[in-house]
């Protein structure tokens, strides 16, 4: 299984945007992948999900709270997954993780952490007011 490494975190001012990268140690074209985040004292929550290339009819999935201000895409030639998030608020402060799903079919299921089994170490994002 691939290993994942996130980068791009840091401190951002409220109203700004961020772009995170997730570099994988192997091919990702056939993997269901997602971005999650976890704030102190809160449960891990999904931010965006990207389906494998074989899911030609599927589009990226965003939970309602992120629809319109999050973007997820992948570069299979670089085995890298990306996340863009704009209109940042202090409430977006969290550790952001990328992950791969246990099965590619999980991209058709509920977007929950328990469907994902390989995680990066996370990257801290702090939004200052």
N, C-alpha and C. Protein backbone atom coordinates (compact mmCIF):
# COMPACT_ATOMS: atom_id res chain seq x y z
N UNK A 1 0.83 -1.17 0.00
CA UNK A 1 0.00 0.00 0.00
C UNK A 1 0.88 1.24 0.00
N UNK A 2 0.32 2.32 -0.53
CA UNK A 2 1.10 3.53 -0.65
C UNK A 2 1.28 4.18 0.71
N UNK A 3 2.30 5.01 0.80
CA UNK A 3 2.48 5.90 1.94
C UNK A 3 2.19 7.31 1.46
N UNK A 4 1.68 8.12 2.39
CA UNK A 4 1.23 9.46 2.03
C UNK A 4 1.95 10.51 2.86
N UNK A 5 2.24 11.63 2.26
CA UNK A 5 2.90 12.72 2.98
C UNK A 5 2.28 14.05 2.55
N UNK A 6 1.65 14.73 3.52
CA UNK A 6 1.03 16.02 3.25
C UNK A 6 2.04 17.15 3.40
N UNK A 7 1.78 18.22 2.69
CA UNK A 7 2.60 19.43 2.83
C UNK A 7 1.75 20.63 2.46
N UNK A 8 2.24 21.80 2.81
CA UNK A 8 1.56 23.03 2.44
C UNK A 8 0.85 23.73 3.57
N UNK A 9 0.87 23.15 4.76
CA UNK A 9 0.21 23.80 5.89
C UNK A 9 0.99 25.00 6.37
N UNK A 10 0.40 25.71 7.30
CA UNK A 10 1.03 26.89 7.86
C UNK A 10 -0.03 27.81 8.43
N UNK A 11 0.34 29.06 8.61
CA UNK A 11 -0.59 30.06 9.14
C UNK A 11 -1.09 30.94 8.01
N UNK A 12 -2.39 31.09 7.96
CA UNK A 12 -3.04 31.87 6.91
C UNK A 12 -3.99 32.86 7.57
N UNK A 13 -4.12 34.02 6.99
CA UNK A 13 -5.06 35.00 7.53
C UNK A 13 -6.49 34.64 7.12
N UNK A 14 -7.42 34.99 7.98
CA UNK A 14 -8.82 34.78 7.66
C UNK A 14 -9.17 35.48 6.35
N UNK A 15 -9.96 34.80 5.56
CA UNK A 15 -10.32 35.31 4.24
C UNK A 15 -9.40 34.83 3.14
N UNK A 16 -8.27 34.28 3.53
CA UNK A 16 -7.32 33.79 2.55
C UNK A 16 -7.65 32.38 2.08
N UNK A 17 -6.70 31.78 1.41
CA UNK A 17 -6.90 30.44 0.88
C UNK A 17 -5.66 29.60 1.14
N UNK A 18 -5.82 28.31 0.97
CA UNK A 18 -4.70 27.41 1.15
C UNK A 18 -4.70 26.37 0.04
N UNK A 19 -3.53 25.85 -0.23
CA UNK A 19 -3.42 24.71 -1.13
C UNK A 19 -2.50 23.70 -0.47
N UNK A 20 -3.02 22.52 -0.28
CA UNK A 20 -2.26 21.44 0.33
C UNK A 20 -1.95 20.38 -0.72
N UNK A 21 -0.84 19.71 -0.52
CA UNK A 21 -0.44 18.62 -1.40
C UNK A 21 -0.30 17.34 -0.59
N UNK A 22 -0.55 16.23 -1.25
CA UNK A 22 -0.40 14.92 -0.63
C UNK A 22 0.36 14.05 -1.63
N UNK A 23 1.62 13.79 -1.34
CA UNK A 23 2.45 12.99 -2.22
C UNK A 23 2.37 11.53 -1.81
N UNK A 24 2.09 10.68 -2.77
CA UNK A 24 1.99 9.24 -2.52
C UNK A 24 3.25 8.53 -3.00
N UNK A 25 3.56 7.44 -2.35
CA UNK A 25 4.77 6.68 -2.71
C UNK A 25 4.56 5.77 -3.90
N UNK A 26 3.31 5.64 -4.37
CA UNK A 26 3.02 4.78 -5.50
C UNK A 26 1.88 5.34 -6.33
N UNK A 27 1.42 4.55 -7.27
CA UNK A 27 0.35 4.98 -8.16
C UNK A 27 -0.94 5.25 -7.40
N UNK A 28 -1.62 6.30 -7.81
CA UNK A 28 -2.89 6.65 -7.15
C UNK A 28 -4.07 6.63 -8.11
N UNK A 29 -3.83 6.35 -9.40
CA UNK A 29 -4.89 6.50 -10.39
C UNK A 29 -6.11 5.62 -10.08
N UNK A 30 -5.88 4.49 -9.40
CA UNK A 30 -6.99 3.57 -9.13
C UNK A 30 -7.46 3.62 -7.69
N UNK A 31 -7.07 4.67 -6.97
CA UNK A 31 -7.41 4.78 -5.56
C UNK A 31 -8.49 5.83 -5.32
N UNK A 32 -9.39 5.50 -4.42
CA UNK A 32 -10.31 6.48 -3.87
C UNK A 32 -9.56 7.21 -2.77
N UNK A 33 -9.49 8.53 -2.86
CA UNK A 33 -8.70 9.30 -1.90
C UNK A 33 -9.52 10.46 -1.35
N UNK A 34 -9.12 10.91 -0.17
CA UNK A 34 -9.86 12.01 0.43
C UNK A 34 -8.98 12.88 1.30
N UNK A 35 -9.50 14.06 1.56
CA UNK A 35 -8.91 14.98 2.53
C UNK A 35 -9.85 15.06 3.73
N UNK A 36 -9.24 14.99 4.90
CA UNK A 36 -9.97 15.12 6.17
C UNK A 36 -9.28 16.17 7.01
N UNK A 37 -9.95 16.57 8.06
CA UNK A 37 -9.30 17.47 9.01
C UNK A 37 -9.81 17.14 10.41
N UNK A 38 -8.98 17.52 11.38
CA UNK A 38 -9.37 17.30 12.77
C UNK A 38 -8.88 18.48 13.60
N UNK A 39 -9.83 19.15 14.20
CA UNK A 39 -9.54 20.26 15.10
C UNK A 39 -9.45 19.73 16.53
N UNK A 40 -8.75 20.44 17.40
CA UNK A 40 -8.62 19.97 18.78
C UNK A 40 -9.98 19.76 19.43
N UNK A 41 -10.16 18.60 20.03
CA UNK A 41 -11.40 18.29 20.72
C UNK A 41 -12.56 17.93 19.83
N UNK A 42 -12.31 17.82 18.53
CA UNK A 42 -13.39 17.51 17.60
C UNK A 42 -13.09 16.22 16.85
N UNK A 43 -14.11 15.64 16.29
CA UNK A 43 -13.94 14.43 15.49
C UNK A 43 -13.34 14.77 14.13
N UNK A 44 -12.70 13.78 13.56
CA UNK A 44 -12.17 13.95 12.21
C UNK A 44 -13.33 14.05 11.23
N UNK A 45 -13.26 15.00 10.31
CA UNK A 45 -14.34 15.18 9.35
C UNK A 45 -13.79 15.25 7.94
N UNK A 46 -14.61 14.79 7.00
CA UNK A 46 -14.22 14.81 5.62
C UNK A 46 -14.36 16.19 5.01
N UNK A 47 -13.41 16.54 4.17
CA UNK A 47 -13.40 17.83 3.49
C UNK A 47 -13.71 17.67 2.00
N UNK A 48 -13.10 16.66 1.38
CA UNK A 48 -13.29 16.45 -0.05
C UNK A 48 -12.83 15.05 -0.41
N UNK A 49 -13.45 14.48 -1.44
CA UNK A 49 -13.11 13.13 -1.86
C UNK A 49 -12.93 13.08 -3.38
N UNK A 50 -11.94 12.31 -3.81
CA UNK A 50 -11.63 12.18 -5.24
C UNK A 50 -11.71 10.72 -5.64
N UNK A 51 -12.48 10.45 -6.69
CA UNK A 51 -12.69 9.07 -7.14
C UNK A 51 -11.57 8.63 -8.08
N UNK A 52 -11.37 7.32 -8.20
CA UNK A 52 -10.37 6.81 -9.15
C UNK A 52 -10.74 7.16 -10.57
N UNK A 53 -9.75 7.13 -11.46
CA UNK A 53 -10.01 7.46 -12.86
C UNK A 53 -11.06 6.56 -13.48
N UNK A 54 -11.14 5.31 -13.01
CA UNK A 54 -12.09 4.36 -13.57
C UNK A 54 -13.53 4.76 -13.31
N UNK A 55 -13.77 5.62 -12.32
CA UNK A 55 -15.11 6.08 -12.00
C UNK A 55 -15.43 7.29 -12.88
N UNK A 56 -15.52 7.06 -14.16
CA UNK A 56 -15.64 8.18 -15.10
C UNK A 56 -16.89 9.00 -14.88
N UNK A 57 -17.90 8.38 -14.28
CA UNK A 57 -19.15 9.11 -14.09
C UNK A 57 -19.20 9.84 -12.76
N UNK A 58 -18.19 9.64 -11.95
CA UNK A 58 -18.20 10.26 -10.63
C UNK A 58 -17.45 11.58 -10.66
N UNK A 59 -17.90 12.50 -9.90
CA UNK A 59 -17.21 13.78 -9.78
C UNK A 59 -16.70 13.92 -8.35
N UNK A 60 -15.82 14.86 -8.09
CA UNK A 60 -15.39 15.03 -6.70
C UNK A 60 -16.59 15.25 -5.78
N UNK A 61 -16.44 14.75 -4.57
CA UNK A 61 -17.52 14.89 -3.59
C UNK A 61 -17.10 15.85 -2.49
N UNK A 62 -18.01 16.77 -2.15
CA UNK A 62 -17.76 17.71 -1.07
C UNK A 62 -18.95 17.68 -0.11
N UNK A 63 -18.70 17.51 1.15
CA UNK A 63 -19.80 17.65 2.11
C UNK A 63 -20.40 19.05 2.00
N UNK A 64 -21.64 19.21 2.40
CA UNK A 64 -22.32 20.50 2.23
C UNK A 64 -21.56 21.69 2.81
N UNK A 65 -20.89 21.49 3.92
CA UNK A 65 -20.20 22.62 4.56
C UNK A 65 -18.98 23.09 3.79
N UNK A 66 -18.53 22.30 2.82
CA UNK A 66 -17.34 22.67 2.05
C UNK A 66 -17.65 22.93 0.58
N UNK A 67 -18.86 22.61 0.18
CA UNK A 67 -19.21 22.79 -1.24
C UNK A 67 -19.15 24.27 -1.58
N UNK A 68 -18.46 24.59 -2.65
CA UNK A 68 -18.36 25.96 -3.09
C UNK A 68 -17.08 26.65 -2.68
N UNK A 69 -16.38 26.11 -1.68
CA UNK A 69 -15.12 26.74 -1.31
C UNK A 69 -13.96 25.75 -1.23
N UNK A 70 -14.21 24.50 -1.53
CA UNK A 70 -13.14 23.50 -1.56
C UNK A 70 -12.98 22.96 -2.97
N UNK A 71 -11.76 22.59 -3.30
CA UNK A 71 -11.50 21.95 -4.58
C UNK A 71 -10.49 20.83 -4.37
N UNK A 72 -10.74 19.69 -4.95
CA UNK A 72 -9.82 18.56 -4.85
C UNK A 72 -9.50 18.10 -6.26
N UNK A 73 -8.27 17.80 -6.50
CA UNK A 73 -7.87 17.25 -7.78
C UNK A 73 -6.59 16.45 -7.58
N UNK A 74 -6.26 15.66 -8.60
CA UNK A 74 -5.08 14.83 -8.51
C UNK A 74 -4.25 14.94 -9.79
N UNK A 75 -2.97 14.74 -9.65
CA UNK A 75 -2.06 14.64 -10.78
C UNK A 75 -1.47 13.24 -10.73
N UNK A 76 -2.01 12.36 -11.54
CA UNK A 76 -1.57 10.97 -11.49
C UNK A 76 -0.14 10.79 -11.98
N UNK A 77 0.35 11.72 -12.81
CA UNK A 77 1.73 11.62 -13.27
C UNK A 77 2.72 11.89 -12.14
N UNK A 78 2.25 12.64 -11.14
CA UNK A 78 3.10 12.94 -9.98
C UNK A 78 2.66 12.17 -8.74
N UNK A 79 1.61 11.36 -8.88
CA UNK A 79 1.07 10.63 -7.72
C UNK A 79 0.79 11.57 -6.55
N UNK A 80 0.15 12.67 -6.87
CA UNK A 80 -0.10 13.71 -5.88
C UNK A 80 -1.56 14.13 -5.90
N UNK A 81 -2.11 14.27 -4.71
CA UNK A 81 -3.47 14.75 -4.50
C UNK A 81 -3.39 16.16 -3.93
N UNK A 82 -4.30 17.02 -4.36
CA UNK A 82 -4.27 18.41 -3.92
C UNK A 82 -5.61 18.80 -3.29
N UNK A 83 -5.52 19.81 -2.43
CA UNK A 83 -6.73 20.40 -1.84
C UNK A 83 -6.58 21.91 -1.86
N UNK A 84 -7.60 22.57 -2.35
CA UNK A 84 -7.69 24.02 -2.26
C UNK A 84 -8.90 24.35 -1.40
N UNK A 85 -8.70 25.30 -0.50
CA UNK A 85 -9.80 25.75 0.36
C UNK A 85 -9.70 27.26 0.47
N UNK A 86 -10.80 27.95 0.16
CA UNK A 86 -10.73 29.41 0.24
C UNK A 86 -11.73 29.94 1.25
N UNK A 87 -11.78 31.27 1.35
CA UNK A 87 -12.64 31.93 2.34
C UNK A 87 -12.40 31.37 3.73
N UNK A 88 -11.13 31.26 4.08
CA UNK A 88 -10.77 30.62 5.34
C UNK A 88 -11.23 31.41 6.54
N UNK A 89 -11.65 30.66 7.57
CA UNK A 89 -12.10 31.21 8.83
C UNK A 89 -11.29 30.60 9.96
N UNK A 90 -11.21 31.25 11.11
CA UNK A 90 -10.49 30.63 12.23
C UNK A 90 -10.99 29.22 12.54
N UNK A 91 -12.25 28.94 12.28
CA UNK A 91 -12.80 27.60 12.53
C UNK A 91 -12.20 26.54 11.60
N UNK A 92 -11.50 26.97 10.56
CA UNK A 92 -10.84 26.02 9.66
C UNK A 92 -9.49 25.56 10.22
N UNK A 93 -9.09 26.12 11.34
CA UNK A 93 -7.85 25.69 11.97
C UNK A 93 -7.96 24.23 12.37
N UNK A 94 -7.01 23.42 11.89
CA UNK A 94 -7.05 21.98 12.14
C UNK A 94 -5.80 21.34 11.56
N UNK A 95 -5.63 20.08 11.88
CA UNK A 95 -4.65 19.26 11.18
C UNK A 95 -5.38 18.63 9.99
N UNK A 96 -4.81 18.78 8.82
CA UNK A 96 -5.40 18.26 7.60
C UNK A 96 -4.66 17.01 7.17
N UNK A 97 -5.44 15.98 6.86
CA UNK A 97 -4.89 14.68 6.48
C UNK A 97 -5.40 14.28 5.11
N UNK A 98 -4.55 13.58 4.36
CA UNK A 98 -5.05 12.88 3.19
C UNK A 98 -5.06 11.39 3.52
N UNK A 99 -5.88 10.66 2.78
CA UNK A 99 -6.05 9.24 3.06
C UNK A 99 -6.52 8.50 1.82
N UNK A 100 -6.26 7.20 1.82
CA UNK A 100 -6.77 6.35 0.76
C UNK A 100 -7.82 5.41 1.34
N UNK A 101 -8.84 5.14 0.54
CA UNK A 101 -9.94 4.28 1.00
C UNK A 101 -9.53 2.82 1.00
N UNK A 102 -10.20 2.04 1.84
CA UNK A 102 -9.95 0.61 1.91
C UNK A 102 -10.23 -0.05 0.56
N UNK A 103 -11.31 0.36 -0.07
CA UNK A 103 -11.66 -0.14 -1.41
C UNK A 103 -12.07 1.05 -2.27
N UNK A 104 -11.83 0.95 -3.56
CA UNK A 104 -12.21 2.06 -4.45
C UNK A 104 -13.71 2.27 -4.43
N UNK A 105 -14.47 1.22 -4.16
CA UNK A 105 -15.94 1.34 -4.11
C UNK A 105 -16.40 2.24 -2.97
N UNK A 106 -15.52 2.49 -2.01
CA UNK A 106 -15.90 3.40 -0.92
C UNK A 106 -16.15 4.81 -1.43
N UNK A 107 -15.72 5.10 -2.65
CA UNK A 107 -16.02 6.41 -3.21
C UNK A 107 -17.50 6.53 -3.59
N UNK A 108 -18.24 5.43 -3.45
CA UNK A 108 -19.67 5.47 -3.68
C UNK A 108 -20.45 5.41 -2.37
N UNK A 109 -19.72 5.31 -1.26
CA UNK A 109 -20.34 5.15 0.06
C UNK A 109 -20.30 6.46 0.83
N UNK A 110 -20.79 6.40 2.06
CA UNK A 110 -20.70 7.57 2.93
C UNK A 110 -19.24 7.99 3.10
N UNK A 111 -19.04 9.28 3.15
CA UNK A 111 -17.69 9.84 3.26
C UNK A 111 -17.33 9.93 4.74
N UNK A 112 -16.80 8.83 5.28
CA UNK A 112 -16.48 8.76 6.69
C UNK A 112 -15.07 8.22 6.88
N UNK A 113 -14.39 8.62 7.95
CA UNK A 113 -13.00 8.18 8.15
C UNK A 113 -12.84 6.66 8.22
N UNK A 114 -13.86 5.96 8.69
CA UNK A 114 -13.73 4.51 8.85
C UNK A 114 -13.61 3.78 7.52
N UNK A 115 -13.95 4.43 6.41
CA UNK A 115 -13.77 3.82 5.08
C UNK A 115 -12.38 4.03 4.52
N UNK A 116 -11.51 4.68 5.28
CA UNK A 116 -10.16 5.00 4.82
C UNK A 116 -9.15 4.35 5.76
N UNK A 117 -8.08 3.82 5.19
CA UNK A 117 -7.18 3.05 6.05
C UNK A 117 -5.72 3.44 5.98
N UNK A 118 -5.33 4.21 5.00
CA UNK A 118 -3.95 4.68 4.93
C UNK A 118 -3.98 6.20 5.07
N UNK A 119 -3.24 6.71 6.04
CA UNK A 119 -3.28 8.13 6.38
C UNK A 119 -1.89 8.72 6.35
N UNK A 120 -1.82 9.97 5.94
CA UNK A 120 -0.58 10.69 6.09
C UNK A 120 -0.40 11.15 7.52
N UNK A 121 0.69 11.85 7.76
CA UNK A 121 0.99 12.31 9.12
C UNK A 121 0.23 13.58 9.47
N UNK A 122 -0.33 14.22 8.46
CA UNK A 122 -1.09 15.45 8.69
C UNK A 122 -0.24 16.69 8.56
N UNK A 123 -0.90 17.79 8.23
CA UNK A 123 -0.22 19.08 8.16
C UNK A 123 -1.11 20.12 8.87
N UNK A 124 -0.50 20.90 9.73
CA UNK A 124 -1.24 21.86 10.54
C UNK A 124 -1.57 23.10 9.72
N UNK A 125 -2.83 23.50 9.78
CA UNK A 125 -3.26 24.75 9.19
C UNK A 125 -3.85 25.60 10.31
N UNK A 126 -3.34 26.80 10.44
CA UNK A 126 -3.84 27.74 11.45
C UNK A 126 -4.33 28.98 10.74
N UNK A 127 -5.58 29.35 11.00
CA UNK A 127 -6.16 30.54 10.38
C UNK A 127 -6.25 31.61 11.45
N UNK A 128 -5.57 32.71 11.22
CA UNK A 128 -5.55 33.80 12.20
C UNK A 128 -6.60 34.84 11.84
N UNK A 129 -7.21 35.40 12.87
CA UNK A 129 -8.26 36.40 12.63
C UNK A 129 -7.69 37.80 12.54
